[in-house]
Amino acid sequence: MIAIIATLRAKPDKGEEFERLFTQLAAQVRANESGNVIYQLSRSRTEPNTYKVLEIYRDEAALEAHRASEHFRSAGPGLGGVLDGRPEIEMLDAIG
C-alpha cells in the first residue's frame, strides 16, 4: 500500500471555507475510489490554519486513479483559492 501525508495551509480567515471544500472532496473520494483506504483531513492543534491529510491507497494504480479523477481535478481551483502556498507531500510505503 501507498501512504501520503499532505500538509496544507489555509490562508488567514479561509480555514472554514477550506474545510468545507475539502470535506466535499473527501466524500467524493470515499464514494468513488475503491482503491482508496483512507482519506482523512485533520487540523493542527498548535499551528493555526495548518492541516494534514492522511491518504492510503491499495496500490500505484489506485493513486493514479485518484489523481486522474474528475472530482479531484475539479476541486483543485477552489482549494487553490483558499490555500496559502502549495501542499507539502510526503510519500510513504505502508508497512504491515
Protein backbone atom coordinates (compact mmCIF):
# COMPACT_ATOMS: atom_id res chain seq x y z
CA MET A 1 0.00 0.00 0.00
CA ILE A 2 0.99 3.61 -0.57
CA ALA A 3 0.57 6.24 2.12
CA ILE A 4 0.71 10.00 1.71
CA ILE A 5 0.83 12.73 4.30
CA ALA A 6 -0.01 16.09 2.80
CA THR A 7 0.46 19.31 4.74
CA LEU A 8 -1.82 22.12 3.62
CA ARG A 9 -2.04 25.64 4.98
CA ALA A 10 -5.17 27.71 4.55
CA LYS A 11 -4.98 31.45 4.04
CA PRO A 12 -5.87 33.51 7.13
CA ASP A 13 -9.65 33.59 7.59
CA LYS A 14 -10.12 30.85 4.96
CA GLY A 15 -9.99 27.80 7.25
CA GLU A 16 -13.75 27.22 7.32
CA GLU A 17 -14.03 27.50 3.54
CA PHE A 18 -11.06 25.17 3.08
CA GLU A 19 -12.64 22.61 5.43
CA ARG A 20 -15.95 22.80 3.56
CA LEU A 21 -14.31 22.32 0.16
CA PHE A 22 -12.07 19.52 1.35
CA THR A 23 -14.92 17.72 3.09
CA GLN A 24 -16.83 17.72 -0.19
CA LEU A 25 -13.79 16.28 -1.99
CA ALA A 26 -13.25 13.63 0.68
CA ALA A 27 -16.87 12.47 0.34
CA GLN A 28 -16.36 12.05 -3.40
CA VAL A 29 -13.11 10.15 -2.89
CA ARG A 30 -14.73 7.77 -0.41
CA ALA A 31 -17.78 7.22 -2.62
CA ASN A 32 -15.99 6.74 -5.93
CA GLU A 33 -12.50 5.34 -5.34
CA SER A 34 -12.48 1.70 -4.34
CA GLY A 35 -8.66 1.74 -4.22
CA ASN A 36 -8.61 4.42 -1.54
CA VAL A 37 -8.43 3.07 2.00
CA ILE A 38 -8.17 6.33 4.00
CA TYR A 39 -8.63 9.97 3.03
CA GLN A 40 -8.71 11.88 6.31
CA LEU A 41 -8.28 15.61 6.93
CA SER A 42 -7.02 16.72 10.35
CA ARG A 43 -6.40 20.20 11.74
CA SER A 44 -3.30 21.08 13.75
CA ARG A 45 -3.82 21.90 17.40
CA THR A 46 -0.71 24.09 17.52
CA GLU A 47 -0.46 25.79 14.11
CA PRO A 48 -3.43 27.91 13.05
CA ASN A 49 -4.74 27.15 9.57
CA THR A 50 -2.45 24.11 9.16
CA TYR A 51 -3.96 20.80 8.10
CA LYS A 52 -2.66 17.30 7.46
CA VAL A 53 -4.26 14.78 5.15
CA LEU A 54 -3.58 11.08 5.60
CA GLU A 55 -4.18 9.17 2.37
CA ILE A 56 -3.74 5.44 1.90
CA TYR A 57 -4.14 3.70 -1.46
CA ARG A 58 -4.10 -0.01 -2.21
CA ASP A 59 -1.52 0.36 -4.98
CA GLU A 60 0.01 2.71 -7.56
CA ALA A 61 -2.97 2.24 -9.90
CA ALA A 62 -5.35 3.44 -7.17
CA LEU A 63 -3.19 6.52 -6.57
CA GLU A 64 -3.11 7.29 -10.29
CA ALA A 65 -6.89 6.83 -10.49
CA HIS A 66 -7.26 9.35 -7.66
CA ARG A 67 -5.06 11.91 -9.40
CA ALA A 68 -6.92 11.46 -12.69
CA SER A 69 -10.43 11.54 -11.18
CA GLU A 70 -12.80 14.29 -12.22
CA HIS A 71 -13.72 15.12 -8.61
CA PHE A 72 -10.04 15.58 -7.65
CA ARG A 73 -9.22 17.66 -10.71
CA SER A 74 -12.31 19.84 -10.40
CA ALA A 75 -11.63 20.51 -6.69
CA GLY A 76 -8.21 21.98 -7.49
CA PRO A 77 -9.20 25.55 -8.43
CA GLY A 78 -11.45 26.04 -5.40
CA LEU A 79 -8.90 24.62 -2.97
CA GLY A 80 -6.12 26.59 -4.65
CA GLY A 81 -8.01 29.79 -3.94
CA VAL A 82 -8.01 29.21 -0.18
CA LEU A 83 -4.58 27.63 0.27
CA ASP A 84 -1.57 29.63 1.39
CA GLY A 85 1.04 28.06 -0.89
CA ARG A 86 1.49 24.63 -2.40
CA PRO A 87 0.84 21.47 -0.40
CA GLU A 88 3.84 19.64 1.05
CA ILE A 89 3.59 15.99 0.05
CA GLU A 90 5.39 13.10 1.76
CA MET A 91 5.14 9.71 0.04
CA LEU A 92 5.43 6.62 2.24
CA ASP A 93 5.29 2.86 1.83
CA ALA A 94 2.76 1.34 4.23
CA ILE A 95 4.12 -1.50 6.36
CA GLY A 96 2.04 -4.38 7.70
